[in-house]
Each structure stands twice: as C-alpha cells, then as structure tokens.
Amino acid sequence: MGAPYIRDAGIIPLPMGYVICAPGGRAGQVGQAKLIESGETDRVSAYAMAADSYGFGLFYLEAGSGATRPVEPQLIQAARNSCNLTLVVGGGIRDGETARRAAQAGADWIITGNLAEEFDDADELERVLSDFIIEMNS
C-alpha cells in the first residue's frame, strides 16, 4: 500500500539482501525468522551469492535488535567471500572491540542502533561514541 507514496516522494530504493542470524533478537521474534545459526557458513554464502546475483547493492547480516551476542565473524567472512556487495552487520555490537572484529571479518558498515538509544544526553552519547570509535580503530 505504501509503494505509490514512496515513488511519489522520489525515494530511490536500495535493493538489499537481509538475513537474520542467531540469536535473532527482536527482528527474529517478530518475523518468526528461521535464523542462520553459528557455523552455517554455506547457508549464509548461498544467500550472499543470491543477493549478488539479483543485483542487490547491500547485504545485511542482522543479529537482531537487543541481541545478546553479535553475528559470528565466520558468518561475516563467508558472506564477504561470496559477494561483491556492501556488507552491513548489526545487532549485539555494543563496544569497539566487537565492531573491530566485525570489520576485520569483512563488514563494510556496522550498525549500533541500541547503543544510541541508551542516552538522553547528546553530549554523553557523543563521548560514548567517540570512545567506541577509538576502541574500534585501536
């Protein structure tokens, strides 16, 4: 129902492959997703290849909002080795070290949505994000 409004607004869609990895968080619960489990590198590779073959621009590995742990590095690496897409990884990333491991495994973009939601004070959020980036790049 919303497609005509999106088109009328002139929004350019970004085709994206989106898969939910264990633990799945809120996205897995709401979507009743069949999660990609730790070690299912062949499965994530096949999804990444499919997204690439369909001409998508992005491939998103999602551990889910509020996830207790992030996407496993071997899943990120398997996706990276299977496609030439911008690889987005999110869910369960709460510190710079975890973000660094995701980037080293092949993530191009790191999503830290819940981290930003924890702060009402913009100055405190800026300090936390600065520390996060320093830790990620160290």
N, C-alpha and C. Protein backbone atom coordinates (compact mmCIF):
# COMPACT_ATOMS: atom_id res chain seq x y z
N MET A 1 0.81 -1.20 0.00
CA MET A 1 0.00 0.00 0.00
C MET A 1 0.85 1.27 0.00
N GLY A 2 2.06 1.18 0.54
CA GLY A 2 2.89 2.37 0.64
C GLY A 2 3.72 2.66 -0.59
N ALA A 3 3.81 1.70 -1.52
CA ALA A 3 4.68 1.87 -2.68
C ALA A 3 4.38 3.14 -3.48
N PRO A 4 3.12 3.49 -3.77
CA PRO A 4 2.87 4.72 -4.53
C PRO A 4 3.40 5.97 -3.83
N TYR A 5 3.32 6.00 -2.51
CA TYR A 5 3.81 7.16 -1.76
C TYR A 5 5.33 7.25 -1.83
N ILE A 6 5.97 6.11 -1.76
CA ILE A 6 7.44 6.09 -1.86
C ILE A 6 7.87 6.57 -3.24
N ARG A 7 7.21 6.07 -4.27
CA ARG A 7 7.54 6.51 -5.63
C ARG A 7 7.26 7.99 -5.81
N ASP A 8 6.11 8.46 -5.34
CA ASP A 8 5.75 9.88 -5.47
C ASP A 8 6.74 10.78 -4.73
N ALA A 9 7.31 10.28 -3.65
CA ALA A 9 8.27 11.07 -2.89
C ALA A 9 9.64 11.12 -3.55
N GLY A 10 9.84 10.30 -4.59
CA GLY A 10 11.11 10.30 -5.30
C GLY A 10 12.22 9.56 -4.58
N ILE A 11 11.84 8.71 -3.64
CA ILE A 11 12.83 7.94 -2.90
C ILE A 11 13.41 6.87 -3.82
N ILE A 12 14.72 6.80 -3.84
CA ILE A 12 15.40 5.80 -4.65
C ILE A 12 15.64 4.57 -3.77
N PRO A 13 15.06 3.44 -4.12
CA PRO A 13 15.24 2.25 -3.28
C PRO A 13 16.65 1.68 -3.40
N LEU A 14 17.10 1.08 -2.33
CA LEU A 14 18.38 0.38 -2.31
C LEU A 14 18.08 -1.10 -2.11
N PRO A 15 18.13 -1.89 -3.17
CA PRO A 15 17.84 -3.32 -3.02
C PRO A 15 18.86 -3.97 -2.08
N MET A 16 18.34 -4.71 -1.10
CA MET A 16 19.21 -5.26 -0.07
C MET A 16 18.77 -6.67 0.30
N GLY A 17 19.75 -7.57 0.35
CA GLY A 17 19.51 -8.88 0.93
C GLY A 17 19.59 -8.74 2.44
N TYR A 18 18.64 -9.32 3.15
CA TYR A 18 18.55 -9.16 4.60
C TYR A 18 18.32 -10.52 5.23
N VAL A 19 19.27 -10.97 6.05
CA VAL A 19 19.12 -12.25 6.73
C VAL A 19 19.31 -12.05 8.22
N ILE A 20 18.59 -12.84 8.98
CA ILE A 20 18.66 -12.73 10.44
C ILE A 20 19.43 -13.93 10.98
N CYS A 21 20.48 -13.61 11.71
CA CYS A 21 21.35 -14.62 12.27
C CYS A 21 21.04 -14.79 13.76
N ALA A 22 21.34 -15.96 14.31
CA ALA A 22 21.16 -16.20 15.74
C ALA A 22 22.02 -15.21 16.52
N PRO A 23 21.48 -14.66 17.60
CA PRO A 23 20.31 -15.06 18.32
C PRO A 23 18.99 -14.50 17.78
N GLY A 24 19.03 -13.56 16.88
CA GLY A 24 17.83 -13.07 16.21
C GLY A 24 17.19 -11.86 16.83
N GLY A 25 17.34 -11.66 18.13
CA GLY A 25 16.78 -10.50 18.80
C GLY A 25 15.32 -10.27 18.45
N ARG A 26 14.93 -9.03 18.52
CA ARG A 26 13.53 -8.67 18.27
C ARG A 26 13.12 -8.95 16.82
N ALA A 27 14.02 -8.72 15.87
CA ALA A 27 13.70 -8.98 14.46
C ALA A 27 13.36 -10.44 14.23
N GLY A 28 14.10 -11.32 14.85
CA GLY A 28 13.85 -12.75 14.72
C GLY A 28 12.53 -13.15 15.34
N GLN A 29 12.20 -12.54 16.48
CA GLN A 29 10.94 -12.85 17.16
C GLN A 29 9.74 -12.37 16.36
N VAL A 30 9.77 -11.11 15.97
CA VAL A 30 8.64 -10.53 15.26
C VAL A 30 8.44 -11.20 13.91
N GLY A 31 9.54 -11.44 13.20
CA GLY A 31 9.45 -12.04 11.87
C GLY A 31 9.37 -13.55 11.88
N GLN A 32 9.43 -14.15 13.07
CA GLN A 32 9.43 -15.61 13.19
C GLN A 32 10.42 -16.22 12.19
N ALA A 33 11.61 -15.63 12.15
CA ALA A 33 12.63 -16.00 11.17
C ALA A 33 13.25 -17.36 11.46
N LYS A 34 13.61 -18.05 10.40
CA LYS A 34 14.44 -19.25 10.52
C LYS A 34 15.88 -18.75 10.53
N LEU A 35 16.41 -18.63 11.73
CA LEU A 35 17.71 -17.99 11.93
C LEU A 35 18.85 -18.76 11.29
N ILE A 36 19.84 -18.01 10.83
CA ILE A 36 21.11 -18.61 10.42
C ILE A 36 21.90 -18.83 11.70
N GLU A 37 22.22 -20.06 11.97
CA GLU A 37 22.92 -20.41 13.21
C GLU A 37 24.43 -20.31 13.02
N SER A 38 25.12 -20.22 14.14
CA SER A 38 26.58 -20.20 14.13
C SER A 38 27.09 -21.41 13.36
N GLY A 39 28.05 -21.19 12.48
CA GLY A 39 28.63 -22.28 11.72
C GLY A 39 27.95 -22.58 10.40
N GLU A 40 26.79 -21.96 10.13
CA GLU A 40 26.10 -22.21 8.86
C GLU A 40 26.67 -21.32 7.75
N THR A 41 27.97 -21.48 7.52
CA THR A 41 28.65 -20.64 6.54
C THR A 41 28.19 -20.93 5.11
N ASP A 42 27.89 -22.18 4.80
CA ASP A 42 27.41 -22.50 3.46
C ASP A 42 26.07 -21.82 3.19
N ARG A 43 25.21 -21.79 4.19
CA ARG A 43 23.89 -21.17 4.03
C ARG A 43 24.01 -19.66 3.83
N VAL A 44 24.82 -18.99 4.66
CA VAL A 44 24.97 -17.54 4.52
C VAL A 44 25.66 -17.21 3.20
N SER A 45 26.60 -18.06 2.76
CA SER A 45 27.26 -17.85 1.46
C SER A 45 26.25 -17.92 0.33
N ALA A 46 25.34 -18.89 0.39
CA ALA A 46 24.34 -19.03 -0.66
C ALA A 46 23.41 -17.81 -0.70
N TYR A 47 23.02 -17.31 0.46
CA TYR A 47 22.18 -16.11 0.49
C TYR A 47 22.92 -14.90 -0.08
N ALA A 48 24.20 -14.76 0.28
CA ALA A 48 25.00 -13.65 -0.23
C ALA A 48 25.16 -13.73 -1.75
N MET A 49 25.40 -14.93 -2.26
CA MET A 49 25.52 -15.12 -3.71
C MET A 49 24.20 -14.78 -4.41
N ALA A 50 23.09 -15.20 -3.81
CA ALA A 50 21.78 -14.90 -4.39
C ALA A 50 21.55 -13.39 -4.45
N ALA A 51 21.86 -12.68 -3.37
CA ALA A 51 21.68 -11.23 -3.35
C ALA A 51 22.54 -10.56 -4.41
N ASP A 52 23.76 -11.03 -4.55
CA ASP A 52 24.66 -10.51 -5.56
C ASP A 52 24.12 -10.79 -6.97
N SER A 53 23.65 -12.00 -7.18
CA SER A 53 23.11 -12.40 -8.49
C SER A 53 21.86 -11.62 -8.87
N TYR A 54 21.06 -11.25 -7.87
CA TYR A 54 19.84 -10.48 -8.13
C TYR A 54 20.12 -9.00 -8.36
N GLY A 55 21.37 -8.59 -8.22
CA GLY A 55 21.73 -7.20 -8.46
C GLY A 55 21.51 -6.28 -7.28
N PHE A 56 21.40 -6.85 -6.08
CA PHE A 56 21.24 -6.01 -4.89
C PHE A 56 22.51 -5.20 -4.67
N GLY A 57 22.40 -4.12 -3.92
CA GLY A 57 23.56 -3.29 -3.63
C GLY A 57 24.13 -3.54 -2.24
N LEU A 58 23.29 -4.08 -1.35
CA LEU A 58 23.68 -4.30 0.04
C LEU A 58 23.32 -5.71 0.48
N PHE A 59 24.05 -6.21 1.46
CA PHE A 59 23.72 -7.47 2.09
C PHE A 59 23.86 -7.26 3.60
N TYR A 60 22.77 -7.46 4.33
CA TYR A 60 22.71 -7.15 5.75
C TYR A 60 22.60 -8.42 6.57
N LEU A 61 23.59 -8.64 7.43
CA LEU A 61 23.57 -9.73 8.41
C LEU A 61 23.13 -9.13 9.74
N GLU A 62 21.97 -9.54 10.22
CA GLU A 62 21.32 -8.94 11.38
C GLU A 62 21.23 -9.95 12.52
N ALA A 63 21.82 -9.62 13.67
CA ALA A 63 21.67 -10.48 14.85
C ALA A 63 20.41 -10.11 15.61
N GLY A 64 19.81 -8.97 15.27
CA GLY A 64 18.56 -8.56 15.88
C GLY A 64 18.74 -7.46 16.90
N SER A 65 17.77 -6.59 16.95
CA SER A 65 17.77 -5.51 17.92
C SER A 65 17.76 -6.10 19.33
N GLY A 66 18.67 -5.63 20.16
CA GLY A 66 18.76 -6.14 21.52
C GLY A 66 19.39 -7.51 21.63
N ALA A 67 20.08 -7.95 20.58
CA ALA A 67 20.69 -9.29 20.57
C ALA A 67 21.69 -9.43 21.71
N THR A 68 21.74 -10.61 22.27
CA THR A 68 22.67 -10.89 23.36
C THR A 68 24.09 -11.13 22.88
N ARG A 69 24.24 -11.41 21.58
CA ARG A 69 25.58 -11.57 21.00
C ARG A 69 25.51 -11.16 19.53
N PRO A 70 26.65 -10.77 18.96
CA PRO A 70 26.66 -10.31 17.57
C PRO A 70 26.71 -11.46 16.57
N VAL A 71 26.62 -11.11 15.30
CA VAL A 71 26.80 -12.09 14.22
C VAL A 71 28.22 -12.65 14.34
N GLU A 72 28.32 -13.96 14.20
CA GLU A 72 29.61 -14.64 14.31
C GLU A 72 30.56 -14.18 13.19
N PRO A 73 31.83 -13.91 13.51
CA PRO A 73 32.78 -13.48 12.48
C PRO A 73 32.89 -14.43 11.29
N GLN A 74 32.78 -15.75 11.52
CA GLN A 74 32.91 -16.68 10.39
C GLN A 74 31.73 -16.53 9.43
N LEU A 75 30.56 -16.12 9.91
CA LEU A 75 29.43 -15.87 9.02
C LEU A 75 29.68 -14.61 8.19
N ILE A 76 30.24 -13.59 8.84
CA ILE A 76 30.57 -12.35 8.12
C ILE A 76 31.59 -12.64 7.03
N GLN A 77 32.62 -13.38 7.39
CA GLN A 77 33.68 -13.70 6.43
C GLN A 77 33.13 -14.53 5.26
N ALA A 78 32.24 -15.47 5.55
CA ALA A 78 31.65 -16.30 4.48
C ALA A 78 30.85 -15.43 3.53
N ALA A 79 30.08 -14.48 4.07
CA ALA A 79 29.31 -13.57 3.21
C ALA A 79 30.26 -12.71 2.38
N ARG A 80 31.30 -12.18 3.03
CA ARG A 80 32.26 -11.32 2.32
C ARG A 80 32.92 -12.07 1.17
N ASN A 81 33.25 -13.32 1.38
CA ASN A 81 33.93 -14.12 0.36
C ASN A 81 32.99 -14.56 -0.76
N SER A 82 31.69 -14.38 -0.58
CA SER A 82 30.70 -14.88 -1.54
C SER A 82 30.01 -13.81 -2.36
N CYS A 83 30.30 -12.55 -2.08
CA CYS A 83 29.62 -11.49 -2.83
C CYS A 83 30.50 -10.25 -2.92
N ASN A 84 30.11 -9.38 -3.83
CA ASN A 84 30.81 -8.10 -4.01
C ASN A 84 29.90 -6.94 -3.61
N LEU A 85 29.08 -7.16 -2.61
CA LEU A 85 28.13 -6.16 -2.15
C LEU A 85 28.67 -5.42 -0.95
N THR A 86 28.08 -4.26 -0.64
CA THR A 86 28.37 -3.59 0.61
C THR A 86 27.77 -4.45 1.72
N LEU A 87 28.60 -4.88 2.65
CA LEU A 87 28.19 -5.79 3.70
C LEU A 87 27.91 -5.01 4.99
N VAL A 88 26.67 -5.09 5.45
CA VAL A 88 26.21 -4.40 6.65
C VAL A 88 26.01 -5.44 7.75
N VAL A 89 26.49 -5.16 8.95
CA VAL A 89 26.35 -6.08 10.07
C VAL A 89 25.83 -5.32 11.27
N GLY A 90 24.79 -5.86 11.91
CA GLY A 90 24.22 -5.20 13.07
C GLY A 90 23.66 -6.18 14.07
N GLY A 91 23.38 -5.65 15.25
CA GLY A 91 22.81 -6.45 16.33
C GLY A 91 23.88 -6.96 17.26
N GLY A 92 23.74 -6.65 18.53
CA GLY A 92 24.67 -7.17 19.54
C GLY A 92 26.03 -6.51 19.56
N ILE A 93 26.20 -5.41 18.86
CA ILE A 93 27.50 -4.72 18.81
C ILE A 93 27.42 -3.54 19.77
N ARG A 94 28.07 -3.69 20.92
CA ARG A 94 27.95 -2.68 21.97
C ARG A 94 29.29 -2.04 22.35
N ASP A 95 30.37 -2.48 21.72
CA ASP A 95 31.68 -1.91 22.05
C ASP A 95 32.57 -1.94 20.81
N GLY A 96 33.63 -1.16 20.89
CA GLY A 96 34.53 -1.03 19.76
C GLY A 96 35.25 -2.31 19.39
N GLU A 97 35.57 -3.13 20.37
CA GLU A 97 36.26 -4.40 20.09
C GLU A 97 35.38 -5.30 19.24
N THR A 98 34.10 -5.39 19.57
CA THR A 98 33.17 -6.22 18.79
C THR A 98 33.03 -5.66 17.39
N ALA A 99 32.96 -4.33 17.27
CA ALA A 99 32.86 -3.70 15.96
C ALA A 99 34.13 -3.97 15.14
N ARG A 100 35.29 -3.92 15.79
CA ARG A 100 36.55 -4.19 15.09
C ARG A 100 36.57 -5.62 14.55
N ARG A 101 36.11 -6.59 15.35
CA ARG A 101 36.08 -7.99 14.88
C ARG A 101 35.16 -8.13 13.66
N ALA A 102 34.03 -7.43 13.68
CA ALA A 102 33.11 -7.49 12.54
C ALA A 102 33.76 -6.88 11.30
N ALA A 103 34.43 -5.75 11.47
CA ALA A 103 35.10 -5.09 10.34
C ALA A 103 36.24 -5.96 9.82
N GLN A 104 37.01 -6.56 10.71
CA GLN A 104 38.11 -7.42 10.28
C GLN A 104 37.60 -8.66 9.53
N ALA A 105 36.39 -9.10 9.87
CA ALA A 105 35.81 -10.26 9.18
C ALA A 105 35.24 -9.88 7.82
N GLY A 106 35.07 -8.57 7.56
CA GLY A 106 34.61 -8.15 6.24
C GLY A 106 33.45 -7.19 6.20
N ALA A 107 32.93 -6.76 7.36
CA ALA A 107 31.82 -5.81 7.37
C ALA A 107 32.28 -4.44 6.85
N ASP A 108 31.47 -3.86 5.97
CA ASP A 108 31.73 -2.50 5.50
C ASP A 108 31.06 -1.47 6.39
N TRP A 109 29.86 -1.78 6.85
CA TRP A 109 29.10 -0.89 7.73
C TRP A 109 28.75 -1.65 9.00
N ILE A 110 28.82 -0.96 10.14
CA ILE A 110 28.46 -1.53 11.43
C ILE A 110 27.28 -0.73 11.98
N ILE A 111 26.23 -1.46 12.39
CA ILE A 111 25.04 -0.82 12.94
C ILE A 111 25.04 -1.02 14.46
N THR A 112 24.88 0.07 15.19
CA THR A 112 24.87 0.03 16.65
C THR A 112 23.63 0.74 17.19
N GLY A 113 22.47 0.39 16.67
CA GLY A 113 21.24 1.10 16.98
C GLY A 113 20.91 1.21 18.45
N ASN A 114 20.93 0.11 19.17
CA ASN A 114 20.55 0.16 20.58
C ASN A 114 21.50 1.00 21.41
N LEU A 115 22.76 1.03 21.04
CA LEU A 115 23.73 1.84 21.77
C LEU A 115 23.29 3.30 21.80
N ALA A 116 22.87 3.82 20.68
CA ALA A 116 22.45 5.22 20.61
C ALA A 116 21.16 5.48 21.37
N GLU A 117 20.33 4.47 21.53
CA GLU A 117 19.05 4.64 22.21
C GLU A 117 19.18 4.71 23.72
N GLU A 118 20.34 4.38 24.26
CA GLU A 118 20.53 4.31 25.71
C GLU A 118 20.80 5.67 26.35
N PHE A 119 20.93 6.73 25.57
CA PHE A 119 21.34 8.01 26.12
C PHE A 119 20.35 9.12 25.79
N ASP A 120 19.96 9.87 26.83
CA ASP A 120 19.11 11.04 26.63
C ASP A 120 19.96 12.29 26.42
N ASP A 121 21.17 12.27 26.95
CA ASP A 121 22.08 13.41 26.88
C ASP A 121 22.97 13.27 25.64
N ALA A 122 22.82 14.19 24.69
CA ALA A 122 23.57 14.14 23.43
C ALA A 122 25.08 14.23 23.66
N ASP A 123 25.52 15.02 24.66
CA ASP A 123 26.95 15.12 24.93
C ASP A 123 27.52 13.80 25.44
N GLU A 124 26.75 13.13 26.30
CA GLU A 124 27.20 11.83 26.80
C GLU A 124 27.26 10.81 25.67
N LEU A 125 26.25 10.83 24.79
CA LEU A 125 26.25 9.92 23.64
C LEU A 125 27.45 10.19 22.75
N GLU A 126 27.76 11.46 22.52
CA GLU A 126 28.93 11.80 21.69
C GLU A 126 30.21 11.25 22.31
N ARG A 127 30.37 11.38 23.64
CA ARG A 127 31.55 10.86 24.31
C ARG A 127 31.64 9.35 24.18
N VAL A 128 30.51 8.66 24.40
CA VAL A 128 30.50 7.20 24.31
C VAL A 128 30.82 6.75 22.89
N LEU A 129 30.24 7.41 21.89
CA LEU A 129 30.51 7.04 20.50
C LEU A 129 31.96 7.32 20.13
N SER A 130 32.52 8.42 20.62
CA SER A 130 33.94 8.72 20.35
C SER A 130 34.83 7.64 20.94
N ASP A 131 34.55 7.24 22.18
CA ASP A 131 35.32 6.17 22.81
C ASP A 131 35.15 4.86 22.04
N PHE A 132 33.95 4.60 21.58
CA PHE A 132 33.64 3.40 20.79
C PHE A 132 34.50 3.36 19.53
N ILE A 133 34.55 4.49 18.82
CA ILE A 133 35.30 4.56 17.56
C ILE A 133 36.81 4.42 17.82
N ILE A 134 37.28 5.04 18.89
CA ILE A 134 38.72 4.92 19.24
C ILE A 134 39.05 3.46 19.52
N GLU A 135 38.19 2.78 20.29
CA GLU A 135 38.43 1.36 20.60
C GLU A 135 38.35 0.51 19.34
N MET A 136 37.42 0.82 18.47
CA MET A 136 37.26 0.06 17.23
C MET A 136 38.50 0.18 16.35
N ASN A 137 39.09 1.35 16.31
CA ASN A 137 40.22 1.59 15.43
C ASN A 137 41.58 1.29 16.06
N SER A 138 41.60 0.90 17.34
CA SER A 138 42.88 0.68 18.01
C SER A 138 43.45 -0.70 17.69
